[in-house]
PDB file of N, CA and C in Angstrom:
ATOM      1  N   MET A   1      78.319 222.300 142.106  1.00  0.00           N
ATOM      2  CA  MET A   1      78.989 223.198 142.820  1.00  0.00           C
ATOM      3  C   MET A   1      80.152 223.506 142.146  1.00  0.00           C
ATOM      4  N   ALA A   2      80.623 224.741 142.000  1.00  0.00           N
ATOM      5  CA  ALA A   2      81.750 225.342 141.323  1.00  0.00           C
ATOM      6  C   ALA A   2      82.925 225.130 142.083  1.00  0.00           C
ATOM      7  N   GLU A   3      84.142 224.689 141.206  1.00  0.00           N
ATOM      8  CA  GLU A   3      85.339 224.372 141.972  1.00  0.00           C
ATOM      9  C   GLU A   3      86.012 225.692 142.345  1.00  0.00           C
ATOM     10  N   ILE A   4      86.447 225.799 143.587  1.00  0.00           N
ATOM     11  CA  ILE A   4      87.060 226.999 144.058  1.00  0.00           C
ATOM     12  C   ILE A   4      88.547 226.630 143.961  1.00  0.00           C
ATOM     13  N   GLU A   5      89.319 227.756 143.303  1.00  0.00           N
ATOM     14  CA  GLU A   5      90.711 227.624 143.188  1.00  0.00           C
ATOM     15  C   GLU A   5      91.417 228.935 143.982  1.00  0.00           C
ATOM     16  N   LEU A   6      92.153 228.459 144.947  1.00  0.00           N
ATOM     17  CA  LEU A   6      92.728 229.420 145.873  1.00  0.00           C
ATOM     18  C   LEU A   6      94.141 229.667 145.410  1.00  0.00           C
ATOM     19  N   LYS A   7      94.682 230.905 145.207  1.00  0.00           N
ATOM     20  CA  LYS A   7      95.852 231.398 144.886  1.00  0.00           C
ATOM     21  C   LYS A   7      96.407 232.396 145.691  1.00  0.00           C
ATOM     22  N   THR A   8      97.700 232.467 145.823  1.00  0.00           N
ATOM     23  CA  THR A   8      98.321 233.695 146.537  1.00  0.00           C
ATOM     24  C   THR A   8      99.409 234.228 145.456  1.00  0.00           C
ATOM     25  N   ALA A   9     100.090 235.291 145.992  1.00  0.00           N
ATOM     26  CA  ALA A   9     101.005 235.718 145.304  1.00  0.00           C
ATOM     27  C   ALA A   9     102.267 234.779 144.924  1.00  0.00           C
ATOM     28  N   PRO A  10     102.764 234.850 143.732  1.00  0.00           N
ATOM     29  CA  PRO A  10     103.931 233.769 143.566  1.00  0.00           C
ATOM     30  C   PRO A  10     105.213 234.154 144.090  1.00  0.00           C
ATOM     31  N   GLY A  11     106.034 233.241 144.302  1.00  0.00           N
ATOM     32  CA  GLY A  11     107.228 233.612 145.037  1.00  0.00           C
ATOM     33  C   GLY A  11     107.900 234.638 144.308  1.00  0.00           C
ATOM     34  N   ASP A  12     108.964 235.499 145.100  1.00  0.00           N
ATOM     35  CA  ASP A  12     109.480 236.520 144.456  1.00  0.00           C
ATOM     36  C   ASP A  12     110.982 236.440 145.139  1.00  0.00           C
ATOM     37  N   TYR A  13     111.926 236.310 144.175  1.00  0.00           N
ATOM     38  CA  TYR A  13     113.280 236.217 144.417  1.00  0.00           C
ATOM     39  C   TYR A  13     113.863 237.367 145.463  1.00  0.00           C
ATOM     40  N   ARG A  14     113.268 238.674 145.443  1.00  0.00           N
ATOM     41  CA  ARG A  14     113.544 239.728 146.090  1.00  0.00           C
ATOM     42  C   ARG A  14     113.147 239.404 147.546  1.00  0.00           C
ATOM     43  N   PHE A  15     112.431 238.524 147.919  1.00  0.00           N
ATOM     44  CA  PHE A  15     111.842 238.193 149.241  1.00  0.00           C
ATOM     45  C   PHE A  15     111.993 236.809 149.683  1.00  0.00           C
ATOM     46  N   PRO A  16     113.275 236.290 149.886  1.00  0.00           N
ATOM     47  CA  PRO A  16     113.545 234.867 150.046  1.00  0.00           C
ATOM     48  C   PRO A  16     113.145 234.227 151.550  1.00  0.00           C
ATOM     49  N   THR A  17     112.931 235.123 152.504  1.00  0.00           N
ATOM     50  CA  THR A  17     112.612 234.744 153.931  1.00  0.00           C
ATOM     51  C   THR A  17     111.263 234.564 153.920  1.00  0.00           C
ATOM     52  N   THR A  18     110.845 233.992 155.143  1.00  0.00           N
ATOM     53  CA  THR A  18     109.427 233.617 155.479  1.00  0.00           C
ATOM     54  C   THR A  18     108.607 234.810 155.658  1.00  0.00           C
ATOM     55  N   ASN A  19     109.398 235.837 156.404  1.00  0.00           N
ATOM     56  CA  ASN A  19     108.714 236.967 156.824  1.00  0.00           C
ATOM     57  C   ASN A  19     108.354 237.864 155.585  1.00  0.00           C
ATOM     58  N   GLN A  20     107.193 237.934 155.311  1.00  0.00           N
ATOM     59  CA  GLN A  20     106.576 238.440 154.050  1.00  0.00           C
ATOM     60  C   GLN A  20     106.102 240.012 154.270  1.00  0.00           C
ATOM     61  N   SER A  21     106.478 240.559 155.317  1.00  0.00           N
ATOM     62  CA  SER A  21     106.172 242.059 155.461  1.00  0.00           C
ATOM     63  C   SER A  21     106.563 242.921 154.336  1.00  0.00           C
ATOM     64  N   ARG A  22     107.689 242.879 153.882  1.00  0.00           N
ATOM     65  CA  ARG A  22     108.210 243.687 152.861  1.00  0.00           C
ATOM     66  C   ARG A  22     107.640 243.416 151.621  1.00  0.00           C
ATOM     67  N   HIS A  23     107.460 242.030 151.328  1.00  0.00           N
ATOM     68  CA  HIS A  23     106.684 241.638 150.002  1.00  0.00           C
ATOM     69  C   HIS A  23     105.410 242.189 149.956  1.00  0.00           C
ATOM     70  N   CYS A  24     104.617 242.175 151.189  1.00  0.00           N
ATOM     71  CA  CYS A  24     103.408 242.786 151.150  1.00  0.00           C
ATOM     72  C   CYS A  24     103.229 244.155 150.916  1.00  0.00           C
ATOM     73  N   PHE A  25     104.217 245.028 151.543  1.00  0.00           N
ATOM     74  CA  PHE A  25     104.277 246.492 151.425  1.00  0.00           C
ATOM     75  C   PHE A  25     104.715 246.768 149.844  1.00  0.00           C
ATOM     76  N   THR A  26     105.551 245.947 149.363  1.00  0.00           N
ATOM     77  CA  THR A  26     106.097 246.300 147.807  1.00  0.00           C
ATOM     78  C   THR A  26     104.857 245.998 146.969  1.00  0.00           C
ATOM     79  N   ARG A  27     104.052 244.862 147.263  1.00  0.00           N
ATOM     80  CA  ARG A  27     103.001 244.619 146.275  1.00  0.00           C
ATOM     81  C   ARG A  27     101.931 245.672 146.341  1.00  0.00           C
ATOM     82  N   TYR A  28     101.787 246.231 147.435  1.00  0.00           N
ATOM     83  CA  TYR A  28     100.703 247.325 147.832  1.00  0.00           C
ATOM     84  C   TYR A  28     101.293 248.641 146.906  1.00  0.00           C
ATOM     85  N   VAL A  29     102.417 248.967 147.176  1.00  0.00           N
ATOM     86  CA  VAL A  29     102.993 249.982 146.401  1.00  0.00           C
ATOM     87  C   VAL A  29     102.963 249.853 144.903  1.00  0.00           C
ATOM     88  N   GLU A  30     103.236 248.802 144.509  1.00  0.00           N
ATOM     89  CA  GLU A  30     103.119 248.428 142.887  1.00  0.00           C
ATOM     90  C   GLU A  30     101.727 248.474 142.517  1.00  0.00           C
ATOM     91  N   PHE A  31     100.790 248.146 143.200  1.00  0.00           N
ATOM     92  CA  PHE A  31      99.387 248.312 142.870  1.00  0.00           C
ATOM     93  C   PHE A  31      98.979 249.608 142.675  1.00  0.00           C
ATOM     94  N   HIS A  32      99.292 250.530 143.482  1.00  0.00           N
ATOM     95  CA  HIS A  32      99.130 251.926 143.607  1.00  0.00           C
ATOM     96  C   HIS A  32      99.803 252.697 142.407  1.00  0.00           C
ATOM     97  N   ARG A  33     101.172 252.365 142.307  1.00  0.00           N
ATOM     98  CA  ARG A  33     101.814 252.914 141.084  1.00  0.00           C
ATOM     99  C   ARG A  33     101.090 252.462 139.753  1.00  0.00           C
ATOM    100  N   CYS A  34     100.699 251.247 139.635  1.00  0.00           N
ATOM    101  CA  CYS A  34     100.139 250.865 138.527  1.00  0.00           C
ATOM    102  C   CYS A  34      98.815 251.686 138.205  1.00  0.00           C
ATOM    103  N   VAL A  35      97.926 251.658 139.258  1.00  0.00           N
ATOM    104  CA  VAL A  35      96.817 252.570 139.166  1.00  0.00           C
ATOM    105  C   VAL A  35      96.893 254.041 138.722  1.00  0.00           C
ATOM    106  N   ALA A  36      98.025 254.415 139.319  1.00  0.00           N
ATOM    107  CA  ALA A  36      98.297 255.895 139.115  1.00  0.00           C
ATOM    108  C   ALA A  36      98.740 256.208 137.589  1.00  0.00           C
ATOM    109  N   ALA A  37      99.540 255.167 137.059  1.00  0.00           N
ATOM    110  CA  ALA A  37     100.118 255.301 135.845  1.00  0.00           C
ATOM    111  C   ALA A  37      99.099 255.034 134.683  1.00  0.00           C
ATOM    112  N   LYS A  38      98.176 253.984 134.988  1.00  0.00           N
ATOM    113  CA  LYS A  38      97.176 253.364 134.037  1.00  0.00           C
ATOM    114  C   LYS A  38      95.886 253.653 134.203  1.00  0.00           C
ATOM    115  N   GLY A  39      95.380 254.172 135.209  1.00  0.00           N
ATOM    116  CA  GLY A  39      94.029 254.350 135.587  1.00  0.00           C
ATOM    117  C   GLY A  39      93.403 253.431 136.469  1.00  0.00           C
ATOM    118  N   ASP A  40      92.198 253.689 136.879  1.00  0.00           N
ATOM    119  CA  ASP A  40      91.455 252.804 137.845  1.00  0.00           C
ATOM    120  C   ASP A  40      90.919 251.515 137.233  1.00  0.00           C
ATOM    121  N   ASP A  41      90.801 251.586 135.999  1.00  0.00           N
ATOM    122  CA  ASP A  41      90.160 250.508 135.242  1.00  0.00           C
ATOM    123  C   ASP A  41      91.117 249.759 134.397  1.00  0.00           C
ATOM    124  N   ALA A  42      92.375 249.820 134.729  1.00  0.00           N
ATOM    125  CA  ALA A  42      93.408 249.040 133.937  1.00  0.00           C
ATOM    126  C   ALA A  42      93.425 247.662 134.395  1.00  0.00           C
ATOM    127  N   SER A  43      93.176 246.502 133.576  1.00  0.00           N
ATOM    128  CA  SER A  43      93.179 245.338 133.978  1.00  0.00           C
ATOM    129  C   SER A  43      94.502 244.752 134.316  1.00  0.00           C
ATOM    130  N   GLU A  44      95.698 245.480 133.897  1.00  0.00           N
ATOM    131  CA  GLU A  44      97.026 244.961 134.194  1.00  0.00           C
ATOM    132  C   GLU A  44      97.442 245.246 135.773  1.00  0.00           C
ATOM    133  N   CYS A  45      96.617 246.020 136.437  1.00  0.00           N
ATOM    134  CA  CYS A  45      96.859 246.244 137.856  1.00  0.00           C
ATOM    135  C   CYS A  45      95.981 245.102 138.727  1.00  0.00           C
ATOM    136  N   ASP A  46      95.255 244.412 138.138  1.00  0.00           N
ATOM    137  CA  ASP A  46      94.453 243.430 138.878  1.00  0.00           C
ATOM    138  C   ASP A  46      95.386 242.410 139.639  1.00  0.00           C
ATOM    139  N   LYS A  47      96.562 241.974 138.916  1.00  0.00           N
ATOM    140  CA  LYS A  47      97.435 241.037 139.473  1.00  0.00           C
ATOM    141  C   LYS A  47      97.972 241.505 140.769  1.00  0.00           C
ATOM    142  N   PHE A  48      98.278 242.831 140.704  1.00  0.00           N
ATOM    143  CA  PHE A  48      99.067 243.504 141.936  1.00  0.00           C
ATOM    144  C   PHE A  48      97.938 243.547 143.071  1.00  0.00           C
ATOM    145  N   ALA A  49      96.814 243.918 142.687  1.00  0.00           N
ATOM    146  CA  ALA A  49      95.682 243.868 143.788  1.00  0.00           C
ATOM    147  C   ALA A  49      95.576 242.640 144.337  1.00  0.00           C
ATOM    148  N   LYS A  50      95.565 241.522 143.604  1.00  0.00           N
ATOM    149  CA  LYS A  50      95.380 240.073 144.048  1.00  0.00           C
ATOM    150  C   LYS A  50      96.546 239.845 145.128  1.00  0.00           C
ATOM    151  N   PHE A  51      97.732 240.162 144.728  1.00  0.00           N
ATOM    152  CA  PHE A  51      98.841 239.946 145.385  1.00  0.00           C
ATOM    153  C   PHE A  51      98.959 240.536 146.679  1.00  0.00           C
ATOM    154  N   TYR A  52      98.716 241.874 146.779  1.00  0.00           N
ATOM    155  CA  TYR A  52      98.725 242.426 148.144  1.00  0.00           C
ATOM    156  C   TYR A  52      97.588 241.985 149.016  1.00  0.00           C
ATOM    157  N   ARG A  53      96.383 241.800 148.393  1.00  0.00           N
ATOM    158  CA  ARG A  53      95.324 241.406 149.078  1.00  0.00           C
ATOM    159  C   ARG A  53      95.513 239.855 149.731  1.00  0.00           C
ATOM    160  N   SER A  54      96.233 239.057 149.070  1.00  0.00           N
ATOM    161  CA  SER A  54      96.495 237.783 149.723  1.00  0.00           C
ATOM    162  C   SER A  54      97.657 237.863 150.664  1.00  0.00           C
ATOM    163  N   LEU A  55      98.559 238.816 150.593  1.00  0.00           N
ATOM    164  CA  LEU A  55      99.774 238.879 151.529  1.00  0.00           C
ATOM    165  C   LEU A  55      99.605 239.723 152.809  1.00  0.00           C
ATOM    166  N   CYS A  56      98.839 240.705 152.695  1.00  0.00           N
ATOM    167  CA  CYS A  56      98.716 241.775 153.759  1.00  0.00           C
ATOM    168  C   CYS A  56      97.540 241.693 154.607  1.00  0.00           C
ATOM    169  N   PRO A  57      97.800 241.902 155.799  1.00  0.00           N
ATOM    170  CA  PRO A  57      96.617 241.880 156.800  1.00  0.00           C
ATOM    171  C   PRO A  57      95.661 243.204 156.541  1.00  0.00           C
ATOM    172  N   GLY A  58      94.540 243.019 156.793  1.00  0.00           N
ATOM    173  CA  GLY A  58      93.541 243.940 156.539  1.00  0.00           C
ATOM    174  C   GLY A  58      93.645 245.230 157.270  1.00  0.00           C
ATOM    175  N   GLU A  59      94.223 245.134 158.458  1.00  0.00           N
ATOM    176  CA  GLU A  59      94.506 246.120 159.288  1.00  0.00           C
ATOM    177  C   GLU A  59      95.518 247.125 158.675  1.00  0.00           C
ATOM    178  N   TRP A  60      96.492 246.448 158.031  1.00  0.00           N
ATOM    179  CA  TRP A  60      97.629 247.279 157.540  1.00  0.00           C
ATOM    180  C   TRP A  60      97.078 248.168 156.294  1.00  0.00           C
ATOM    181  N   VAL A  61      96.271 247.266 155.504  1.00  0.00           N
ATOM    182  CA  VAL A  61      95.887 248.011 154.207  1.00  0.00           C
ATOM    183  C   VAL A  61      94.924 249.100 154.561  1.00  0.00           C
ATOM    184  N   ASP A  62      94.009 248.975 155.670  1.00  0.00           N
ATOM    185  CA  ASP A  62      93.112 250.046 156.135  1.00  0.00           C
ATOM    186  C   ASP A  62      93.927 251.265 156.568  1.00  0.00           C
ATOM    187  N   ARG A  63      95.024 251.120 157.354  1.00  0.00           N
ATOM    188  CA  ARG A  63      95.942 252.186 157.745  1.00  0.00           C
ATOM    189  C   ARG A  63      96.640 252.715 156.635  1.00  0.00           C
ATOM    190  N   TRP A  64      97.084 251.906 155.582  1.00  0.00           N
ATOM    191  CA  TRP A  64      97.849 252.477 154.433  1.00  0.00           C
ATOM    192  C   TRP A  64      96.854 253.388 153.480  1.00  0.00           C
ATOM    193  N   ASN A  65      95.622 252.818 153.409  1.00  0.00           N
ATOM    194  CA  ASN A  65      94.679 253.627 152.737  1.00  0.00           C
ATOM    195  C   ASN A  65      94.244 254.895 153.249  1.00  0.00           C
ATOM    196  N   GLU A  66      94.326 255.063 154.692  1.00  0.00           N
ATOM    197  CA  GLU A  66      93.892 256.254 155.308  1.00  0.00           C
ATOM    198  C   GLU A  66      95.213 257.133 155.218  1.00  0.00           C
ATOM    199  N   GLN A  67      96.350 256.636 155.186  1.00  0.00           N
ATOM    200  CA  GLN A  67      97.433 257.446 155.258  1.00  0.00           C
ATOM    201  C   GLN A  67      97.652 258.090 153.753  1.00  0.00           C
ATOM    202  N   ARG A  68      97.323 257.305 152.900  1.00  0.00           N
ATOM    203  CA  ARG A  68      97.364 257.827 151.531  1.00  0.00           C
ATOM    204  C   ARG A  68      96.304 258.967 151.301  1.00  0.00           C
ATOM    205  N   GLU A  69      95.087 258.762 151.726  1.00  0.00           N
ATOM    206  CA  GLU A  69      94.122 259.748 151.709  1.00  0.00           C
ATOM    207  C   GLU A  69      94.437 261.045 152.417  1.00  0.00           C
ATOM    208  N   ASN A  70      95.450 260.911 153.605  1.00  0.00           N
ATOM    209  CA  ASN A  70      95.872 262.020 154.271  1.00  0.00           C
ATOM    210  C   ASN A  70      97.004 262.678 153.739  1.00  0.00           C
ATOM    211  N   GLY A  71      97.786 262.094 152.730  1.00  0.00           N
ATOM    212  CA  GLY A  71      98.951 262.354 152.101  1.00  0.00           C
ATOM    213  C   GLY A  71     100.056 262.263 152.961  1.00  0.00           C
ATOM    214  N   VAL A  72     100.144 261.230 153.953  1.00  0.00           N
ATOM    215  CA  VAL A  72     101.316 260.938 154.811  1.00  0.00           C
ATOM    216  C   VAL A  72     101.802 259.489 154.683  1.00  0.00           C
ATOM    217  N   PHE A  73     101.544 258.883 153.549  1.00  0.00           N
ATOM    218  CA  PHE A  73     101.896 257.453 153.431  1.00  0.00           C
ATOM    219  C   PHE A  73     103.367 257.473 153.181  1.00  0.00           C
ATOM    220  N   PRO A  74     104.206 256.599 153.941  1.00  0.00           N
ATOM    221  CA  PRO A  74     105.476 256.466 154.075  1.00  0.00           C
ATOM    222  C   PRO A  74     106.249 255.997 152.723  1.00  0.00           C
ATOM    223  N   GLY A  75     105.453 255.275 151.853  1.00  0.00           N
ATOM    224  CA  GLY A  75     106.145 254.695 150.524  1.00  0.00           C
ATOM    225  C   GLY A  75     106.132 255.590 149.575  1.00  0.00           C
ATOM    226  N   PRO A  76     106.912 255.175 148.558  1.00  0.00           N
ATOM    227  CA  PRO A  76     107.217 255.877 147.235  1.00  0.00           C
ATOM    228  C   PRO A  76     105.906 255.576 146.341  1.00  0.00           C
ATOM    229  N   LEU A  77     105.011 256.372 146.193  1.00  0.00           N
ATOM    230  CA  LEU A  77     103.897 256.173 145.261  1.00  0.00           C
ATOM    231  C   LEU A  77     103.944 257.001 144.047  1.00  0.00           C
TER     232      LEU A  77
END
């Protein structure tokens, strides 16, 4: 049986509290900025995808994806 290694986003000094909502949002935005700058197949963006997927609730991601598709996402992309 293969060994399963679980990881989450590393600690970030910009988000010192236990509430990780802002950390989640920032990582989501960083991922989409990276993809916009480097393209969908850029391996450099994979780490940001892992980070936001481990931090953000799926419902939030679904809502943000819909907002981006509709052009009403509140963040700076």
